[in-house]
Amino acid sequence: MQEELLQFKKLGVWQLVDKPKGAKVIGTRWVLRYKRDDHGIVVRNKARLVVQGFRQIEGIDYNEVFTPVARLEAIRPKILSLLSEVIVQKQ
């Protein structure tokens, strides 16, 4: 869990501010998962801090939702373009 919190701080994911008057606090919880190897032995513990979204109401607690997701098929041409530039520069 400490590792996850350090990542939040390092990346500037959030900023601690005072609660506005009349606003309700939306809770968070930790989701814990275990990463196992082929033999079922726990290799790594993973922790994620998530918002309890079921308590949010659209239009009151948030206005829009954005999830940055890119499929490999969408970014593959850009990756290939960058790789070709690197190869040309090295020659």
PDB file of N, CA and C in Angstrom:
ATOM      1  N   MET A   1       0.818  -1.192   0.000  1.00  0.00           N
ATOM      2  CA  MET A   1       0.000   0.000   0.000  1.00  0.00           C
ATOM      3  C   MET A   1       0.865   1.261   0.000  1.00  0.00           C
ATOM      4  N   GLN A   2       1.957   1.208   0.743  1.00  0.00           N
ATOM      5  CA  GLN A   2       2.849   2.361   0.780  1.00  0.00           C
ATOM      6  C   GLN A   2       3.420   2.664  -0.603  1.00  0.00           C
ATOM      7  N   GLU A   3       3.706   1.599  -1.355  1.00  0.00           N
ATOM      8  CA  GLU A   3       4.236   1.769  -2.709  1.00  0.00           C
ATOM      9  C   GLU A   3       3.234   2.512  -3.594  1.00  0.00           C
ATOM     10  N   GLU A   4       1.968   2.156  -3.484  1.00  0.00           N
ATOM     11  CA  GLU A   4       0.911   2.806  -4.261  1.00  0.00           C
ATOM     12  C   GLU A   4       0.789   4.283  -3.868  1.00  0.00           C
ATOM     13  N   LEU A   5       0.824   4.572  -2.579  1.00  0.00           N
ATOM     14  CA  LEU A   5       0.725   5.956  -2.120  1.00  0.00           C
ATOM     15  C   LEU A   5       1.927   6.777  -2.567  1.00  0.00           C
ATOM     16  N   LEU A   6       3.108   6.159  -2.563  1.00  0.00           N
ATOM     17  CA  LEU A   6       4.303   6.867  -3.040  1.00  0.00           C
ATOM     18  C   LEU A   6       4.204   7.183  -4.525  1.00  0.00           C
ATOM     19  N   GLN A   7       3.615   6.267  -5.307  1.00  0.00           N
ATOM     20  CA  GLN A   7       3.413   6.516  -6.736  1.00  0.00           C
ATOM     21  C   GLN A   7       2.462   7.693  -6.942  1.00  0.00           C
ATOM     22  N   PHE A   8       1.393   7.768  -6.140  1.00  0.00           N
ATOM     23  CA  PHE A   8       0.455   8.888  -6.242  1.00  0.00           C
ATOM     24  C   PHE A   8       1.178  10.201  -5.998  1.00  0.00           C
ATOM     25  N   LYS A   9       2.014  10.220  -4.962  1.00  0.00           N
ATOM     26  CA  LYS A   9       2.742  11.436  -4.619  1.00  0.00           C
ATOM     27  C   LYS A   9       3.741  11.809  -5.721  1.00  0.00           C
ATOM     28  N   LYS A  10       4.464  10.800  -6.225  1.00  0.00           N
ATOM     29  CA  LYS A  10       5.477  11.017  -7.259  1.00  0.00           C
ATOM     30  C   LYS A  10       4.865  11.550  -8.557  1.00  0.00           C
ATOM     31  N   LEU A  11       3.721  11.010  -8.947  1.00  0.00           N
ATOM     32  CA  LEU A  11       3.081  11.389 -10.200  1.00  0.00           C
ATOM     33  C   LEU A  11       2.180  12.616 -10.072  1.00  0.00           C
ATOM     34  N   GLY A  12       1.963  13.089  -8.859  1.00  0.00           N
ATOM     35  CA  GLY A  12       1.093  14.256  -8.660  1.00  0.00           C
ATOM     36  C   GLY A  12      -0.354  13.954  -8.987  1.00  0.00           C
ATOM     37  N   VAL A  13      -0.826  12.761  -8.622  1.00  0.00           N
ATOM     38  CA  VAL A  13      -2.172  12.316  -8.973  1.00  0.00           C
ATOM     39  C   VAL A  13      -3.240  13.131  -8.246  1.00  0.00           C
ATOM     40  N   TRP A  14      -2.982  13.467  -7.003  1.00  0.00           N
ATOM     41  CA  TRP A  14      -3.975  14.234  -6.274  1.00  0.00           C
ATOM     42  C   TRP A  14      -3.319  15.298  -5.433  1.00  0.00           C
ATOM     43  N   GLN A  15      -4.162  16.192  -4.948  1.00  0.00           N
ATOM     44  CA  GLN A  15      -3.699  17.271  -4.100  1.00  0.00           C
ATOM     45  C   GLN A  15      -4.675  17.339  -2.928  1.00  0.00           C
ATOM     46  N   LEU A  16      -4.156  17.359  -1.719  1.00  0.00           N
ATOM     47  CA  LEU A  16      -4.984  17.403  -0.527  1.00  0.00           C
ATOM     48  C   LEU A  16      -5.500  18.819  -0.328  1.00  0.00           C
ATOM     49  N   VAL A  17      -6.828  18.973  -0.280  1.00  0.00           N
ATOM     50  CA  VAL A  17      -7.449  20.280  -0.094  1.00  0.00           C
ATOM     51  C   VAL A  17      -8.512  20.177   0.984  1.00  0.00           C
ATOM     52  N   ASP A  18      -8.950  21.312   1.490  1.00  0.00           N
ATOM     53  CA  ASP A  18     -10.035  21.331   2.462  1.00  0.00           C
ATOM     54  C   ASP A  18     -11.352  21.013   1.764  1.00  0.00           C
ATOM     55  N   LYS A  19     -12.250  20.358   2.491  1.00  0.00           N
ATOM     56  CA  LYS A  19     -13.556  19.990   1.931  1.00  0.00           C
ATOM     57  C   LYS A  19     -14.419  21.240   1.786  1.00  0.00           C
ATOM     58  N   PRO A  20     -14.996  21.467   0.595  1.00  0.00           N
ATOM     59  CA  PRO A  20     -15.889  22.618   0.420  1.00  0.00           C
ATOM     60  C   PRO A  20     -17.135  22.466   1.293  1.00  0.00           C
ATOM     61  N   LYS A  21     -17.697  23.591   1.683  1.00  0.00           N
ATOM     62  CA  LYS A  21     -18.890  23.584   2.514  1.00  0.00           C
ATOM     63  C   LYS A  21     -20.047  22.911   1.780  1.00  0.00           C
ATOM     64  N   GLY A  22     -20.726  22.004   2.432  1.00  0.00           N
ATOM     65  CA  GLY A  22     -21.877  21.331   1.846  1.00  0.00           C
ATOM     66  C   GLY A  22     -21.542  20.131   0.974  1.00  0.00           C
ATOM     67  N   ALA A  23     -20.272  19.857   0.758  1.00  0.00           N
ATOM     68  CA  ALA A  23     -19.871  18.720  -0.081  1.00  0.00           C
ATOM     69  C   ALA A  23     -19.803  17.457   0.766  1.00  0.00           C
ATOM     70  N   LYS A  24     -20.157  16.332   0.168  1.00  0.00           N
ATOM     71  CA  LYS A  24     -20.029  15.074   0.895  1.00  0.00           C
ATOM     72  C   LYS A  24     -18.723  14.390   0.502  1.00  0.00           C
ATOM     73  N   VAL A  25     -18.190  13.624   1.407  1.00  0.00           N
ATOM     74  CA  VAL A  25     -16.932  12.925   1.169  1.00  0.00           C
ATOM     75  C   VAL A  25     -17.237  11.576   0.552  1.00  0.00           C
ATOM     76  N   ILE A  26     -16.552  11.255  -0.519  1.00  0.00           N
ATOM     77  CA  ILE A  26     -16.705   9.955  -1.161  1.00  0.00           C
ATOM     78  C   ILE A  26     -15.585   9.069  -0.653  1.00  0.00           C
ATOM     79  N   GLY A  27     -15.939   7.919  -0.144  1.00  0.00           N
ATOM     80  CA  GLY A  27     -14.962   7.027   0.465  1.00  0.00           C
ATOM     81  C   GLY A  27     -14.074   6.317  -0.536  1.00  0.00           C
ATOM     82  N   THR A  28     -13.004   5.765  -0.018  1.00  0.00           N
ATOM     83  CA  THR A  28     -12.095   4.952  -0.816  1.00  0.00           C
ATOM     84  C   THR A  28     -11.888   3.631  -0.098  1.00  0.00           C
ATOM     85  N   ARG A  29     -11.366   2.672  -0.824  1.00  0.00           N
ATOM     86  CA  ARG A  29     -11.019   1.402  -0.197  1.00  0.00           C
ATOM     87  C   ARG A  29      -9.859   0.783  -0.955  1.00  0.00           C
ATOM     88  N   TRP A  30      -9.165  -0.108  -0.294  1.00  0.00           N
ATOM     89  CA  TRP A  30      -8.031  -0.797  -0.902  1.00  0.00           C
ATOM     90  C   TRP A  30      -8.502  -2.107  -1.505  1.00  0.00           C
ATOM     91  N   VAL A  31      -8.110  -2.368  -2.741  1.00  0.00           N
ATOM     92  CA  VAL A  31      -8.372  -3.654  -3.384  1.00  0.00           C
ATOM     93  C   VAL A  31      -7.041  -4.403  -3.384  1.00  0.00           C
ATOM     94  N   LEU A  32      -7.028  -5.548  -2.736  1.00  0.00           N
ATOM     95  CA  LEU A  32      -5.799  -6.322  -2.591  1.00  0.00           C
ATOM     96  C   LEU A  32      -5.842  -7.542  -3.494  1.00  0.00           C
ATOM     97  N   ARG A  33      -4.779  -7.774  -4.217  1.00  0.00           N
ATOM     98  CA  ARG A  33      -4.672  -8.943  -5.105  1.00  0.00           C
ATOM     99  C   ARG A  33      -3.315  -9.574  -4.896  1.00  0.00           C
ATOM    100  N   TYR A  34      -3.235 -10.842  -5.204  1.00  0.00           N
ATOM    101  CA  TYR A  34      -1.978 -11.575  -5.100  1.00  0.00           C
ATOM    102  C   TYR A  34      -1.551 -12.026  -6.487  1.00  0.00           C
ATOM    103  N   LYS A  35      -0.333 -11.752  -6.854  1.00  0.00           N
ATOM    104  CA  LYS A  35       0.214 -12.216  -8.125  1.00  0.00           C
ATOM    105  C   LYS A  35       0.929 -13.536  -7.847  1.00  0.00           C
ATOM    106  N   ARG A  36       0.544 -14.578  -8.567  1.00  0.00           N
ATOM    107  CA  ARG A  36       1.093 -15.909  -8.328  1.00  0.00           C
ATOM    108  C   ARG A  36       1.888 -16.390  -9.529  1.00  0.00           C
ATOM    109  N   ASP A  37       2.854 -17.272  -9.280  1.00  0.00           N
ATOM    110  CA  ASP A  37       3.624 -17.851 -10.375  1.00  0.00           C
ATOM    111  C   ASP A  37       2.903 -19.092 -10.896  1.00  0.00           C
ATOM    112  N   ASP A  38       3.556 -19.851 -11.773  1.00  0.00           N
ATOM    113  CA  ASP A  38       2.940 -21.029 -12.390  1.00  0.00           C
ATOM    114  C   ASP A  38       2.589 -22.125 -11.385  1.00  0.00           C
ATOM    115  N   HIS A  39       3.285 -22.137 -10.258  1.00  0.00           N
ATOM    116  CA  HIS A  39       3.053 -23.171  -9.243  1.00  0.00           C
ATOM    117  C   HIS A  39       2.059 -22.730  -8.174  1.00  0.00           C
ATOM    118  N   GLY A  40       1.501 -21.534  -8.311  1.00  0.00           N
ATOM    119  CA  GLY A  40       0.524 -21.040  -7.361  1.00  0.00           C
ATOM    120  C   GLY A  40       1.121 -20.369  -6.135  1.00  0.00           C
ATOM    121  N   ILE A  41       2.411 -20.147  -6.147  1.00  0.00           N
ATOM    122  CA  ILE A  41       3.079 -19.497  -5.018  1.00  0.00           C
ATOM    123  C   ILE A  41       2.959 -17.981  -5.184  1.00  0.00           C
ATOM    124  N   VAL A  42       2.600 -17.296  -4.100  1.00  0.00           N
ATOM    125  CA  VAL A  42       2.439 -15.846  -4.151  1.00  0.00           C
ATOM    126  C   VAL A  42       3.802 -15.196  -4.387  1.00  0.00           C
ATOM    127  N   VAL A  43       3.902 -14.449  -5.490  1.00  0.00           N
ATOM    128  CA  VAL A  43       5.147 -13.789  -5.873  1.00  0.00           C
ATOM    129  C   VAL A  43       5.137 -12.332  -5.413  1.00  0.00           C
ATOM    130  N   ARG A  44       3.969 -11.698  -5.503  1.00  0.00           N
ATOM    131  CA  ARG A  44       3.883 -10.278  -5.181  1.00  0.00           C
ATOM    132  C   ARG A  44       2.480  -9.944  -4.702  1.00  0.00           C
ATOM    133  N   ASN A  45       2.404  -9.085  -3.714  1.00  0.00           N
ATOM    134  CA  ASN A  45       1.121  -8.555  -3.270  1.00  0.00           C
ATOM    135  C   ASN A  45       0.883  -7.255  -3.999  1.00  0.00           C
ATOM    136  N   LYS A  46      -0.319  -7.068  -4.532  1.00  0.00           N
ATOM    137  CA  LYS A  46      -0.642  -5.840  -5.245  1.00  0.00           C
ATOM    138  C   LYS A  46      -1.782  -5.148  -4.513  1.00  0.00           C
ATOM    139  N   ALA A  47      -1.672  -3.843  -4.371  1.00  0.00           N
ATOM    140  CA  ALA A  47      -2.714  -3.063  -3.713  1.00  0.00           C
ATOM    141  C   ALA A  47      -3.083  -1.894  -4.614  1.00  0.00           C
ATOM    142  N   ARG A  48      -4.393  -1.617  -4.672  1.00  0.00           N
ATOM    143  CA  ARG A  48      -4.885  -0.497  -5.470  1.00  0.00           C
ATOM    144  C   ARG A  48      -5.889   0.288  -4.640  1.00  0.00           C
ATOM    145  N   LEU A  49      -5.768   1.595  -4.643  1.00  0.00           N
ATOM    146  CA  LEU A  49      -6.717   2.448  -3.941  1.00  0.00           C
ATOM    147  C   LEU A  49      -7.800   2.862  -4.927  1.00  0.00           C
ATOM    148  N   VAL A  50      -9.048   2.535  -4.625  1.00  0.00           N
ATOM    149  CA  VAL A  50     -10.150   2.850  -5.535  1.00  0.00           C
ATOM    150  C   VAL A  50     -11.221   3.653  -4.803  1.00  0.00           C
ATOM    151  N   VAL A  51     -11.974   4.411  -5.582  1.00  0.00           N
ATOM    152  CA  VAL A  51     -13.077   5.202  -5.038  1.00  0.00           C
ATOM    153  C   VAL A  51     -14.317   4.325  -4.985  1.00  0.00           C
ATOM    154  N   GLN A  52     -15.107   4.497  -3.959  1.00  0.00           N
ATOM    155  CA  GLN A  52     -16.358   3.756  -3.872  1.00  0.00           C
ATOM    156  C   GLN A  52     -17.381   4.467  -4.760  1.00  0.00           C
ATOM    157  N   GLY A  53     -17.317   4.166  -6.050  1.00  0.00           N
ATOM    158  CA  GLY A  53     -18.097   4.871  -7.058  1.00  0.00           C
ATOM    159  C   GLY A  53     -19.592   4.711  -6.944  1.00  0.00           C
ATOM    160  N   PHE A  54     -20.064   3.676  -6.281  1.00  0.00           N
ATOM    161  CA  PHE A  54     -21.496   3.451  -6.170  1.00  0.00           C
ATOM    162  C   PHE A  54     -22.176   4.538  -5.345  1.00  0.00           C
ATOM    163  N   ARG A  55     -21.412   5.361  -4.647  1.00  0.00           N
ATOM    164  CA  ARG A  55     -21.983   6.431  -3.832  1.00  0.00           C
ATOM    165  C   ARG A  55     -22.027   7.756  -4.583  1.00  0.00           C
ATOM    166  N   GLN A  56     -21.550   7.784  -5.830  1.00  0.00           N
ATOM    167  CA  GLN A  56     -21.515   9.023  -6.602  1.00  0.00           C
ATOM    168  C   GLN A  56     -22.768   9.150  -7.459  1.00  0.00           C
ATOM    169  N   ILE A  57     -23.200  10.392  -7.667  1.00  0.00           N
ATOM    170  CA  ILE A  57     -24.370  10.662  -8.488  1.00  0.00           C
ATOM    171  C   ILE A  57     -23.941  11.567  -9.640  1.00  0.00           C
ATOM    172  N   GLU A  58     -24.219  11.118 -10.874  1.00  0.00           N
ATOM    173  CA  GLU A  58     -23.830  11.890 -12.053  1.00  0.00           C
ATOM    174  C   GLU A  58     -24.505  13.250 -12.037  1.00  0.00           C
ATOM    175  N   GLY A  59     -23.748  14.290 -12.353  1.00  0.00           N
ATOM    176  CA  GLY A  59     -24.264  15.647 -12.365  1.00  0.00           C
ATOM    177  C   GLY A  59     -24.097  16.368 -11.034  1.00  0.00           C
ATOM    178  N   ILE A  60     -23.941  15.606  -9.950  1.00  0.00           N
ATOM    179  CA  ILE A  60     -23.732  16.208  -8.637  1.00  0.00           C
ATOM    180  C   ILE A  60     -22.280  16.027  -8.213  1.00  0.00           C
ATOM    181  N   ASP A  61     -21.807  14.784  -8.213  1.00  0.00           N
ATOM    182  CA  ASP A  61     -20.435  14.489  -7.801  1.00  0.00           C
ATOM    183  C   ASP A  61     -19.446  14.571  -8.961  1.00  0.00           C
ATOM    184  N   TYR A  62     -19.911  14.385 -10.172  1.00  0.00           N
ATOM    185  CA  TYR A  62     -19.042  14.471 -11.347  1.00  0.00           C
ATOM    186  C   TYR A  62     -19.894  14.797 -12.563  1.00  0.00           C
ATOM    187  N   ASN A  63     -19.246  15.370 -13.584  1.00  0.00           N
ATOM    188  CA  ASN A  63     -19.964  15.736 -14.809  1.00  0.00           C
ATOM    189  C   ASN A  63     -19.567  14.885 -16.002  1.00  0.00           C
ATOM    190  N   GLU A  64     -18.343  14.394 -16.000  1.00  0.00           N
ATOM    191  CA  GLU A  64     -17.894  13.581 -17.126  1.00  0.00           C
ATOM    192  C   GLU A  64     -16.942  12.508 -16.626  1.00  0.00           C
ATOM    193  N   VAL A  65     -16.782  11.486 -17.436  1.00  0.00           N
ATOM    194  CA  VAL A  65     -15.894  10.376 -17.101  1.00  0.00           C
ATOM    195  C   VAL A  65     -14.883  10.244 -18.218  1.00  0.00           C
ATOM    196  N   PHE A  66     -13.616  10.088 -17.851  1.00  0.00           N
ATOM    197  CA  PHE A  66     -12.569   9.928 -18.850  1.00  0.00           C
ATOM    198  C   PHE A  66     -11.650   8.808 -18.410  1.00  0.00           C
ATOM    199  N   THR A  67     -11.447   7.847 -19.280  1.00  0.00           N
ATOM    200  CA  THR A  67     -10.533   6.753 -19.008  1.00  0.00           C
ATOM    201  C   THR A  67      -9.553   6.651 -20.164  1.00  0.00           C
ATOM    202  N   PRO A  68      -8.285   6.975 -19.924  1.00  0.00           N
ATOM    203  CA  PRO A  68      -7.311   6.902 -21.006  1.00  0.00           C
ATOM    204  C   PRO A  68      -6.925   5.455 -21.308  1.00  0.00           C
ATOM    205  N   VAL A  69      -7.467   4.926 -22.382  1.00  0.00           N
ATOM    206  CA  VAL A  69      -7.188   3.551 -22.782  1.00  0.00           C
ATOM    207  C   VAL A  69      -6.814   3.560 -24.256  1.00  0.00           C
ATOM    208  N   ALA A  70      -5.730   2.886 -24.585  1.00  0.00           N
ATOM    209  CA  ALA A  70      -5.318   2.792 -25.983  1.00  0.00           C
ATOM    210  C   ALA A  70      -5.062   1.327 -26.320  1.00  0.00           C
ATOM    211  N   ARG A  71      -5.638   0.883 -27.407  1.00  0.00           N
ATOM    212  CA  ARG A  71      -5.396  -0.479 -27.867  1.00  0.00           C
ATOM    213  C   ARG A  71      -4.116  -0.497 -28.689  1.00  0.00           C
ATOM    214  N   LEU A  72      -3.423  -1.619 -28.671  1.00  0.00           N
ATOM    215  CA  LEU A  72      -2.168  -1.748 -29.406  1.00  0.00           C
ATOM    216  C   LEU A  72      -2.370  -1.470 -30.891  1.00  0.00           C
ATOM    217  N   GLU A  73      -3.500  -1.884 -31.441  1.00  0.00           N
ATOM    218  CA  GLU A  73      -3.770  -1.655 -32.862  1.00  0.00           C
ATOM    219  C   GLU A  73      -3.832  -0.161 -33.179  1.00  0.00           C
ATOM    220  N   ALA A  74      -4.243   0.642 -32.220  1.00  0.00           N
ATOM    221  CA  ALA A  74      -4.375   2.079 -32.447  1.00  0.00           C
ATOM    222  C   ALA A  74      -3.026   2.788 -32.392  1.00  0.00           C
ATOM    223  N   ILE A  75      -2.115   2.318 -31.542  1.00  0.00           N
ATOM    224  CA  ILE A  75      -0.836   3.015 -31.394  1.00  0.00           C
ATOM    225  C   ILE A  75       0.306   2.349 -32.147  1.00  0.00           C
ATOM    226  N   ARG A  76       0.046   1.199 -32.748  1.00  0.00           N
ATOM    227  CA  ARG A  76       1.100   0.477 -33.464  1.00  0.00           C
ATOM    228  C   ARG A  76       1.743   1.291 -34.584  1.00  0.00           C
ATOM    229  N   PRO A  77       0.966   1.998 -35.422  1.00  0.00           N
ATOM    230  CA  PRO A  77       1.606   2.804 -36.481  1.00  0.00           C
ATOM    231  C   PRO A  77       2.558   3.857 -35.915  1.00  0.00           C
ATOM    232  N   LYS A  78       2.207   4.483 -34.803  1.00  0.00           N
ATOM    233  CA  LYS A  78       3.073   5.493 -34.190  1.00  0.00           C
ATOM    234  C   LYS A  78       4.352   4.849 -33.660  1.00  0.00           C
ATOM    235  N   ILE A  79       4.237   3.688 -33.035  1.00  0.00           N
ATOM    236  CA  ILE A  79       5.409   2.977 -32.520  1.00  0.00           C
ATOM    237  C   ILE A  79       6.350   2.618 -33.665  1.00  0.00           C
ATOM    238  N   LEU A  80       5.794   2.091 -34.752  1.00  0.00           N
ATOM    239  CA  LEU A  80       6.617   1.730 -35.904  1.00  0.00           C
ATOM    240  C   LEU A  80       7.296   2.953 -36.517  1.00  0.00           C
ATOM    241  N   SER A  81       6.587   4.068 -36.561  1.00  0.00           N
ATOM    242  CA  SER A  81       7.161   5.307 -37.084  1.00  0.00           C
ATOM    243  C   SER A  81       8.340   5.758 -36.223  1.00  0.00           C
ATOM    244  N   LEU A  82       8.176   5.727 -34.915  1.00  0.00           N
ATOM    245  CA  LEU A  82       9.254   6.128 -34.008  1.00  0.00           C
ATOM    246  C   LEU A  82      10.447   5.192 -34.116  1.00  0.00           C
ATOM    247  N   LEU A  83      10.188   3.897 -34.232  1.00  0.00           N
ATOM    248  CA  LEU A  83      11.273   2.929 -34.362  1.00  0.00           C
ATOM    249  C   LEU A  83      12.058   3.148 -35.663  1.00  0.00           C
ATOM    250  N   SER A  84      11.348   3.445 -36.740  1.00  0.00           N
ATOM    251  CA  SER A  84      12.050   3.670 -38.012  1.00  0.00           C
ATOM    252  C   SER A  84      12.926   4.927 -37.929  1.00  0.00           C
ATOM    253  N   GLU A  85      12.469   5.953 -37.205  1.00  0.00           N
ATOM    254  CA  GLU A  85      13.285   7.157 -37.030  1.00  0.00           C
ATOM    255  C   GLU A  85      14.536   6.853 -36.224  1.00  0.00           C
ATOM    256  N   VAL A  86      14.420   6.024 -35.209  1.00  0.00           N
ATOM    257  CA  VAL A  86      15.568   5.654 -34.386  1.00  0.00           C
ATOM    258  C   VAL A  86      16.587   4.879 -35.207  1.00  0.00           C
ATOM    259  N   ILE A  87      16.103   3.954 -36.043  1.00  0.00           N
ATOM    260  CA  ILE A  87      17.000   3.152 -36.887  1.00  0.00           C
ATOM    261  C   ILE A  87      17.717   4.041 -37.884  1.00  0.00           C
ATOM    262  N   VAL A  88      17.012   4.988 -38.486  1.00  0.00           N
ATOM    263  CA  VAL A  88      17.622   5.898 -39.460  1.00  0.00           C
ATOM    264  C   VAL A  88      18.683   6.769 -38.790  1.00  0.00           C
ATOM    265  N   GLN A  89      18.416   7.245 -37.592  1.00  0.00           N
ATOM    266  CA  GLN A  89      19.360   8.113 -36.885  1.00  0.00           C
ATOM    267  C   GLN A  89      20.622   7.358 -36.498  1.00  0.00           C
ATOM    268  N   LYS A  90      20.521   6.080 -36.202  1.00  0.00           N
ATOM    269  CA  LYS A  90      21.684   5.291 -35.795  1.00  0.00           C
ATOM    270  C   LYS A  90      22.583   4.929 -36.976  1.00  0.00           C
ATOM    271  N   GLN A  91      22.056   4.957 -38.180  1.00  0.00           N
ATOM    272  CA  GLN A  91      22.847   4.574 -39.351  1.00  0.00           C
ATOM    273  C   GLN A  91      23.709   5.659 -39.838  1.00  0.00           C
TER     274      GLN A  91
END
